[in-house]
Amino acid sequence: MPKISNKGKQMPESPIRKLVPYADIAKKKGNKVYHLNIGQPDIKTPEIAINAVKNVAIKVLEYSHSAGFESYRKKLSQYYINHSLPIEVEDIIITTGGSEALLFAMGSTMDVDDEIIIPEPFYANYNGFSTASGVKVIPVISTIETGFALPPIADFEKLITPKTKAILICNPGNPTGYLYSKDEIMQLAAIVKKHDLFLIADEVYREFVYDENEKHYSIMNIEGIEENAIMIDSVSKRYSMCGARIGCIVSKNKEVMATAMKFAQARLSPPTFAQIASEAALDTPQSYFDEVIDEYRDRRDILISELNKIDGVKVATPKGAFYCIAQLPIKNADDFAQWLLESFDYNGETVMVAPAAGFYSTPNVGLNEVRIAYVLKKEDLIRSVVILKEALKVYNSK
């Protein structure tokens, strides 16, 4: 019998999706499952994007340019400029989701066995993208005690080797919701400049900043690191269009973009209908975003307030995105998350969470933590925390 590759064996499971079979079983039993495990917003996609696809008048569904529609890239460039980001058309390649943009970034800047430093916990698929690219993740640990702030730059410095090619951050962060300050971004800029590294910033949650005294600082605004900076973006969260699978890789580094274009050509083109929707979405009125941010701010505040009422639970208040990491009074969140779906219900209802260990690459870290996505309406979040509180009582009395 033919054998699968070692790389295939090493490919990590998604901590977000691996429990789906157990959720399916729970639903078949008749239990309602509140999905706190996945960042799938329940916010309506802008009608302007949906209508653009409904009303499309094309007779042949053709390939687009490998870099994406020129009309879309021009409009996207103007969108960035309007948001004070100096990004031109030639700095953008449209990708099949932010995921492909990250794969292009790694493939364009790193060889097999090169190293990338990532503050952890981090978006679980960074592990998968690194494995697929043959790249080694070197974690630098941030902690719930500091609210998952940027670890000291000295911690990064001591991890840099001749194999180190890049530092990767998510800002605001998935899974922590942490928003890096301008000072933290400038520290990262200084270290990549000093050691001639790339700074890759996943900025797909840029607009999701909740406190009036907070602001998102993009690496594309930092002078002096134009050749080092690579930005990843996506329509998935901004317009609640996760299924569109449209993202982009952005950089002023012409060699990086020329190399990324080779990867883009190899996969031919990003999807046509989704680009049509994404281009139309750029005309979404500001009122849409104002309402969305207000809604998520309320959800965050309610979730954190309710979680803080549970004895033994510690949670870092997120400043952006729509996730938080909660430390629970348990030993193994994987076992607890599976038990919630397989063996527990509270009046016919249960919750699905994402065990946080899968958001670390350091073994045996985050074992008692879960990621919670506050993408449900406020009433459902309150109900979910009630169920979680009752579940912890039962689980810890076993």
Protein backbone atom coordinates (compact mmCIF):
# COMPACT_ATOMS: atom_id res chain seq x y z
CA MET A 1 0.00 0.00 0.00
CA PRO A 2 1.46 3.42 -0.94
CA LYS A 3 2.45 5.58 2.02
CA ILE A 4 1.65 9.21 2.63
CA SER A 5 4.43 11.75 3.02
CA ASN A 6 6.14 12.63 6.28
CA LYS A 7 5.01 16.21 5.67
CA GLY A 8 1.45 14.94 5.48
CA LYS A 9 1.87 13.12 8.78
CA GLN A 10 3.27 16.29 10.36
CA MET A 11 0.40 18.49 9.13
CA PRO A 12 -1.40 19.59 12.30
CA GLU A 13 -5.12 19.20 12.83
CA SER A 14 -7.19 22.34 13.12
CA PRO A 15 -8.11 22.95 16.78
CA ILE A 16 -11.07 24.92 15.41
CA ARG A 17 -12.51 22.22 13.16
CA LYS A 18 -11.29 18.88 14.55
CA LEU A 19 -14.24 18.63 16.97
CA VAL A 20 -16.85 19.08 14.22
CA PRO A 21 -17.76 15.33 14.16
CA TYR A 22 -18.61 15.51 17.87
CA ALA A 23 -20.73 18.61 17.28
CA ASP A 24 -22.57 16.74 14.54
CA ILE A 25 -23.29 13.89 16.97
CA ALA A 26 -24.55 16.34 19.60
CA LYS A 27 -26.91 17.89 17.08
CA LYS A 28 -28.19 14.48 15.99
CA LYS A 29 -29.06 13.83 19.64
CA GLY A 30 -31.26 16.92 19.44
CA ASN A 31 -28.96 19.23 21.40
CA LYS A 32 -28.49 22.84 20.38
CA VAL A 33 -24.80 23.74 19.98
CA TYR A 34 -23.59 27.30 20.47
CA HIS A 35 -20.57 27.69 18.21
CA LEU A 36 -17.94 29.70 20.07
CA ASN A 37 -15.18 27.81 18.28
CA ILE A 38 -14.98 29.50 14.89
CA GLY A 39 -14.71 33.07 13.66
CA GLN A 40 -17.70 32.90 11.36
CA PRO A 41 -19.51 36.22 11.87
CA ASP A 42 -23.31 36.26 11.89
CA ILE A 43 -23.23 39.85 10.57
CA LYS A 44 -24.97 40.21 7.21
CA THR A 45 -22.72 40.50 4.17
CA PRO A 46 -23.21 43.93 2.52
CA GLU A 47 -26.07 43.73 0.03
CA ILE A 48 -24.01 45.63 -2.51
CA ALA A 49 -21.62 42.65 -2.70
CA ILE A 50 -24.38 40.04 -2.96
CA ASN A 51 -26.23 42.04 -5.61
CA ALA A 52 -23.09 42.45 -7.70
CA VAL A 53 -22.97 38.66 -8.14
CA LYS A 54 -26.74 38.32 -8.61
CA ASN A 55 -26.76 40.95 -11.34
CA VAL A 56 -23.59 39.96 -13.17
CA ALA A 57 -23.95 39.99 -16.95
CA ILE A 58 -21.20 37.71 -18.21
CA LYS A 59 -21.59 34.94 -20.78
CA VAL A 60 -18.25 33.21 -20.20
CA LEU A 61 -16.80 32.65 -16.74
CA GLU A 62 -13.21 33.43 -17.68
CA TYR A 63 -9.92 33.35 -15.83
CA SER A 64 -8.89 36.67 -14.37
CA HIS A 65 -5.37 38.05 -14.44
CA SER A 66 -3.17 36.04 -12.04
CA ALA A 67 -2.78 39.16 -9.89
CA GLY A 68 -6.54 39.65 -9.86
CA PHE A 69 -8.79 42.05 -11.74
CA GLU A 70 -6.97 45.32 -12.46
CA SER A 71 -10.18 47.20 -11.68
CA TYR A 72 -10.34 45.54 -8.26
CA ARG A 73 -6.68 46.24 -7.48
CA LYS A 74 -7.07 49.90 -8.49
CA LYS A 75 -10.12 50.28 -6.28
CA LEU A 76 -8.43 48.40 -3.43
CA SER A 77 -5.37 50.65 -3.71
CA GLN A 78 -7.63 53.69 -3.40
CA TYR A 79 -9.33 52.11 -0.38
CA TYR A 80 -5.96 51.74 1.34
CA ILE A 81 -4.89 55.28 0.41
CA ASN A 82 -8.17 56.58 1.86
CA HIS A 83 -7.20 54.79 5.08
CA SER A 84 -3.74 56.45 5.07
CA LEU A 85 -1.91 53.37 3.78
CA PRO A 86 0.47 54.26 0.89
CA ILE A 87 -0.31 51.19 -1.22
CA GLU A 88 -0.25 51.32 -5.04
CA VAL A 89 -1.75 48.91 -7.57
CA GLU A 90 1.61 47.25 -8.26
CA ASP A 91 1.99 46.49 -4.54
CA ILE A 92 -1.06 44.16 -4.55
CA ILE A 93 -1.65 40.57 -5.68
CA ILE A 94 -5.15 39.19 -5.11
CA THR A 95 -5.15 35.74 -3.54
CA THR A 96 -7.58 32.95 -2.71
CA GLY A 97 -8.13 34.10 0.84
CA GLY A 98 -5.58 35.43 3.29
CA SER A 99 -4.44 31.81 3.63
CA GLU A 100 -3.02 31.72 0.12
CA ALA A 101 -1.42 35.13 0.69
CA LEU A 102 0.45 33.68 3.69
CA LEU A 103 1.55 30.67 1.67
CA PHE A 104 2.79 33.02 -1.09
CA ALA A 105 4.63 35.10 1.50
CA MET A 106 6.37 32.08 2.99
CA GLY A 107 7.11 30.53 -0.40
CA SER A 108 8.58 33.80 -1.67
CA THR A 109 10.84 34.53 1.29
CA MET A 110 11.81 31.21 2.84
CA ASP A 111 13.49 27.97 1.84
CA VAL A 112 12.96 24.54 3.38
CA ASP A 113 14.24 24.42 6.98
CA ASP A 114 14.33 28.22 7.31
CA GLU A 115 12.82 29.68 10.49
CA ILE A 116 10.02 32.13 11.19
CA ILE A 117 9.51 33.67 14.64
CA ILE A 118 5.88 34.04 15.73
CA PRO A 119 4.52 35.33 19.05
CA GLU A 120 2.25 32.65 20.45
CA PRO A 121 -0.56 31.86 20.86
CA PHE A 122 -1.15 32.46 17.16
CA TYR A 123 -3.68 31.60 14.46
CA ALA A 124 -3.53 27.81 14.36
CA ASN A 125 -3.14 27.57 10.59
CA TYR A 126 0.23 29.34 10.77
CA ASN A 127 1.47 25.93 11.93
CA GLY A 128 -0.13 24.31 8.89
CA PHE A 129 1.17 26.90 6.41
CA SER A 130 4.67 26.54 7.86
CA THR A 131 4.53 22.75 7.63
CA ALA A 132 3.30 22.94 4.02
CA SER A 133 6.18 25.31 3.21
CA GLY A 134 8.81 23.23 5.00
CA VAL A 135 9.48 26.14 7.36
CA LYS A 136 10.17 25.82 11.09
CA VAL A 137 8.12 27.93 13.51
CA ILE A 138 10.15 29.42 16.36
CA PRO A 139 7.68 30.57 19.01
CA VAL A 140 8.13 33.44 21.41
CA ILE A 141 5.59 33.12 24.19
CA SER A 142 3.21 35.85 25.28
CA THR A 143 1.10 35.27 28.36
CA ILE A 144 -2.41 35.88 29.65
CA GLU A 145 -0.87 37.71 32.63
CA THR A 146 0.25 40.54 30.29
CA GLY A 147 -2.92 40.39 28.20
CA PHE A 148 -0.79 38.75 25.46
CA ALA A 149 1.26 41.90 24.87
CA LEU A 150 4.31 41.72 22.63
CA PRO A 151 7.05 39.75 24.42
CA PRO A 152 10.24 41.71 25.17
CA ILE A 153 12.29 42.34 22.04
CA ALA A 154 15.23 40.67 23.81
CA ASP A 155 13.21 37.43 23.66
CA PHE A 156 13.04 37.76 19.86
CA GLU A 157 16.70 38.71 19.58
CA LYS A 158 17.98 35.60 21.33
CA LEU A 159 15.98 33.38 18.95
CA ILE A 160 17.43 34.83 15.74
CA THR A 161 19.81 32.49 13.90
CA PRO A 162 21.26 32.40 10.37
CA LYS A 163 18.14 30.38 9.43
CA THR A 164 15.73 33.12 10.60
CA LYS A 165 14.03 34.82 7.66
CA ALA A 166 10.95 36.54 9.09
CA ILE A 167 8.83 37.56 12.05
CA LEU A 168 5.08 37.02 11.66
CA ILE A 169 2.44 38.86 13.67
CA CYS A 170 -1.35 39.07 13.57
CA ASN A 171 -2.62 42.55 14.41
CA PRO A 172 -5.18 42.70 15.96
CA GLY A 173 -4.52 39.15 17.04
CA ASN A 174 -6.29 35.90 16.43
CA PRO A 175 -6.75 34.15 18.91
CA THR A 176 -6.01 36.74 21.61
CA GLY A 177 -7.65 39.93 20.36
CA TYR A 178 -4.50 41.82 21.35
CA LEU A 179 -3.83 45.08 19.49
CA TYR A 180 -0.16 46.01 19.13
CA SER A 181 0.72 49.58 20.10
CA LYS A 182 2.68 51.91 17.85
CA ASP A 183 5.69 51.45 20.13
CA GLU A 184 5.49 47.65 19.79
CA ILE A 185 5.26 47.90 15.99
CA MET A 186 8.26 50.25 15.94
CA GLN A 187 10.26 47.80 18.07
CA LEU A 188 9.52 45.04 15.57
CA ALA A 189 10.42 47.34 12.69
CA ALA A 190 13.77 48.10 14.30
CA ILE A 191 14.67 44.45 14.86
CA VAL A 192 13.81 43.32 11.30
CA LYS A 193 15.80 46.26 9.94
CA LYS A 194 18.75 45.43 12.19
CA HIS A 195 18.83 41.73 11.23
CA ASP A 196 17.63 42.13 7.62
CA LEU A 197 14.47 40.07 8.14
CA PHE A 198 10.97 40.25 6.72
CA LEU A 199 8.12 41.46 8.91
CA ILE A 200 4.89 39.75 7.83
CA ALA A 201 1.75 41.27 9.33
CA ASP A 202 -1.62 39.56 9.08
CA GLU A 203 -3.90 42.61 9.28
CA VAL A 204 -7.24 41.09 8.32
CA TYR A 205 -8.91 42.43 11.49
CA ARG A 206 -7.63 46.00 11.00
CA GLU A 207 -11.02 47.69 11.36
CA PHE A 208 -12.00 45.72 14.47
CA VAL A 209 -10.67 48.07 17.16
CA TYR A 210 -13.05 48.85 20.01
CA ASP A 211 -11.68 51.42 22.43
CA GLU A 212 -11.66 55.12 21.58
CA ASN A 213 -8.09 55.63 22.79
CA GLU A 214 -6.79 52.72 20.68
CA LYS A 215 -5.69 52.76 17.04
CA HIS A 216 -4.43 50.18 14.58
CA TYR A 217 -0.86 50.76 13.37
CA SER A 218 -0.01 49.08 10.08
CA ILE A 219 3.49 48.02 9.15
CA MET A 220 2.84 49.67 5.77
CA ASN A 221 3.01 53.05 7.53
CA ILE A 222 6.49 52.51 8.97
CA GLU A 223 9.18 54.38 7.06
CA GLY A 224 12.48 52.60 6.48
CA ILE A 225 11.16 49.01 6.30
CA GLU A 226 9.52 49.17 2.87
CA GLU A 227 11.74 46.30 1.64
CA ASN A 228 11.06 44.25 4.79
CA ALA A 229 7.28 44.66 5.12
CA ILE A 230 4.70 42.20 3.80
CA MET A 231 1.04 42.74 4.67
CA ILE A 232 -1.66 40.07 4.49
CA ASP A 233 -5.29 41.12 4.09
CA SER A 234 -8.69 39.58 3.38
CA VAL A 235 -12.37 40.45 2.82
CA SER A 236 -13.48 37.57 5.06
CA LYS A 237 -14.01 39.45 8.31
CA ARG A 238 -14.22 43.06 7.12
CA TYR A 239 -17.33 42.41 5.04
CA SER A 240 -18.45 39.15 6.68
CA MET A 241 -17.53 37.34 3.45
CA CYS A 242 -15.58 34.32 4.73
CA GLY A 243 -16.88 32.12 1.90
CA ALA A 244 -15.64 34.46 -0.81
CA ARG A 245 -12.04 33.32 -0.19
CA ILE A 246 -10.51 36.56 -1.42
CA GLY A 247 -7.43 38.08 0.15
CA CYS A 248 -4.25 39.77 -0.96
CA ILE A 249 -0.51 39.95 -0.38
CA VAL A 250 0.86 43.50 -0.27
CA SER A 251 4.48 44.67 -0.35
CA LYS A 252 6.67 47.46 -1.71
CA ASN A 253 9.45 44.90 -2.20
CA LYS A 254 9.44 44.35 -5.98
CA GLU A 255 11.48 41.13 -5.79
CA VAL A 256 9.04 39.64 -3.28
CA MET A 257 6.07 40.60 -5.45
CA ALA A 258 7.69 39.26 -8.63
CA THR A 259 8.31 35.94 -6.85
CA ALA A 260 4.80 35.87 -5.40
CA MET A 261 3.49 36.41 -8.93
CA LYS A 262 5.11 33.13 -9.98
CA PHE A 263 3.06 31.34 -7.32
CA ALA A 264 -0.01 33.26 -8.47
CA GLN A 265 0.55 32.20 -12.07
CA ALA A 266 0.99 28.58 -11.00
CA ARG A 267 -2.52 28.55 -9.51
CA LEU A 268 -3.79 30.50 -12.57
CA SER A 269 -6.17 33.04 -11.01
CA PRO A 270 -8.31 33.92 -7.99
CA PRO A 271 -12.07 33.14 -8.31
CA THR A 272 -14.00 35.45 -10.63
CA PHE A 273 -17.38 35.71 -8.90
CA ALA A 274 -15.74 36.32 -5.54
CA GLN A 275 -13.63 39.14 -6.99
CA ILE A 276 -16.77 40.73 -8.41
CA ALA A 277 -18.38 40.62 -4.96
CA SER A 278 -15.21 41.90 -3.26
CA GLU A 279 -14.78 44.80 -5.66
CA ALA A 280 -18.40 45.82 -5.12
CA ALA A 281 -17.97 45.51 -1.34
CA LEU A 282 -15.49 48.39 -1.43
CA ASP A 283 -18.48 50.70 -1.92
CA THR A 284 -19.98 49.63 1.41
CA PRO A 285 -20.98 52.78 3.35
CA GLN A 286 -19.15 53.72 6.54
CA SER A 287 -22.40 53.34 8.47
CA TYR A 288 -22.15 49.56 7.95
CA PHE A 289 -18.77 49.44 9.72
CA ASP A 290 -19.89 51.79 12.48
CA GLU A 291 -22.81 49.50 13.30
CA VAL A 292 -20.65 46.37 13.12
CA ILE A 293 -17.99 47.80 15.45
CA ASP A 294 -20.64 48.92 17.95
CA GLU A 295 -22.19 45.45 17.90
CA TYR A 296 -18.87 43.66 18.44
CA ARG A 297 -17.86 46.07 21.20
CA ASP A 298 -21.11 45.27 23.04
CA ARG A 299 -20.56 41.55 22.51
CA ARG A 300 -17.00 41.76 23.81
CA ASP A 301 -18.04 43.68 26.90
CA ILE A 302 -20.88 41.28 27.71
CA LEU A 303 -18.76 38.15 27.14
CA ILE A 304 -15.85 39.35 29.28
CA SER A 305 -18.19 40.53 32.03
CA GLU A 306 -20.00 37.17 32.14
CA LEU A 307 -16.81 35.09 32.01
CA ASN A 308 -15.35 37.08 34.90
CA LYS A 309 -18.31 35.96 37.04
CA ILE A 310 -17.21 32.29 36.86
CA ASP A 311 -14.93 31.19 39.71
CA GLY A 312 -11.52 30.10 38.50
CA VAL A 313 -11.80 31.60 35.02
CA LYS A 314 -9.18 34.10 33.89
CA VAL A 315 -9.66 36.04 30.67
CA ALA A 316 -7.63 38.73 28.90
CA THR A 317 -9.78 41.59 27.60
CA PRO A 318 -9.32 41.82 23.81
CA LYS A 319 -8.75 45.23 22.23
CA GLY A 320 -9.57 44.11 18.69
CA ALA A 321 -10.62 41.26 16.37
CA PHE A 322 -13.44 39.16 17.90
CA TYR A 323 -11.70 36.51 19.96
CA CYS A 324 -10.45 36.05 23.47
CA ILE A 325 -8.41 33.43 25.29
CA ALA A 326 -9.96 32.16 28.53
CA GLN A 327 -8.08 30.11 31.09
CA LEU A 328 -10.42 27.57 32.69
CA PRO A 329 -10.18 25.69 36.03
CA ILE A 330 -9.44 22.41 34.23
CA LYS A 331 -6.33 20.46 33.26
CA ASN A 332 -7.09 19.50 29.66
CA ALA A 333 -9.20 21.71 27.40
CA ASP A 334 -9.13 19.14 24.58
CA ASP A 335 -10.82 16.58 26.81
CA PHE A 336 -13.23 19.20 28.18
CA ALA A 337 -14.22 20.48 24.72
CA GLN A 338 -14.91 16.96 23.47
CA TRP A 339 -16.86 16.10 26.67
CA LEU A 340 -19.02 19.21 26.21
CA LEU A 341 -20.23 17.84 22.88
CA GLU A 342 -20.16 14.12 23.57
CA SER A 343 -21.46 13.80 27.12
CA PHE A 344 -22.94 17.06 28.38
CA ASP A 345 -26.01 19.17 27.84
CA TYR A 346 -27.79 21.77 29.93
CA ASN A 347 -31.50 21.69 29.17
CA GLY A 348 -30.73 20.32 25.71
CA GLU A 349 -27.98 22.85 24.93
CA THR A 350 -24.19 22.84 24.92
CA VAL A 351 -21.27 24.91 23.68
CA MET A 352 -18.39 24.30 21.29
CA VAL A 353 -15.04 25.93 22.08
CA ALA A 354 -11.60 25.72 20.49
CA PRO A 355 -8.91 24.20 22.75
CA ALA A 356 -6.09 26.75 22.84
CA ALA A 357 -3.17 24.29 22.84
CA GLY A 358 -3.59 24.13 19.06
CA PHE A 359 -2.75 27.84 18.88
CA TYR A 360 0.70 27.21 20.33
CA SER A 361 3.63 25.39 18.77
CA THR A 362 5.37 24.93 22.13
CA PRO A 363 4.32 21.51 23.51
CA ASN A 364 2.18 21.39 26.68
CA VAL A 365 1.37 25.10 26.70
CA GLY A 366 -2.19 26.42 26.83
CA LEU A 367 -3.58 23.07 27.93
CA ASN A 368 -6.15 24.71 30.23
CA GLU A 369 -7.07 27.52 27.81
CA VAL A 370 -9.76 27.87 25.16
CA ARG A 371 -10.33 30.38 22.40
CA ILE A 372 -13.81 31.90 22.31
CA ALA A 373 -15.13 33.77 19.27
CA TYR A 374 -17.78 36.33 20.15
CA VAL A 375 -19.53 36.13 16.79
CA LEU A 376 -22.97 35.26 18.20
CA LYS A 377 -25.69 37.70 19.21
CA LYS A 378 -25.52 38.99 22.77
CA GLU A 379 -28.34 36.81 24.11
CA ASP A 380 -26.59 33.70 22.80
CA LEU A 381 -23.28 34.74 24.34
CA ILE A 382 -24.92 35.18 27.75
CA ARG A 383 -26.63 31.80 27.41
CA SER A 384 -23.36 30.18 26.31
CA VAL A 385 -21.54 31.38 29.41
CA VAL A 386 -24.36 30.07 31.64
CA ILE A 387 -23.95 26.66 29.98
CA LEU A 388 -20.16 26.84 30.33
CA LYS A 389 -20.47 27.64 34.04
CA GLU A 390 -22.78 24.66 34.63
CA ALA A 391 -20.55 22.42 32.52
CA LEU A 392 -17.47 23.29 34.61
CA LYS A 393 -19.34 22.36 37.79
CA VAL A 394 -20.30 18.94 36.41
CA TYR A 395 -16.93 18.28 34.76
CA ASN A 396 -14.92 19.11 37.87
CA SER A 397 -17.16 16.95 40.08
CA LYS A 398 -16.54 13.82 38.00
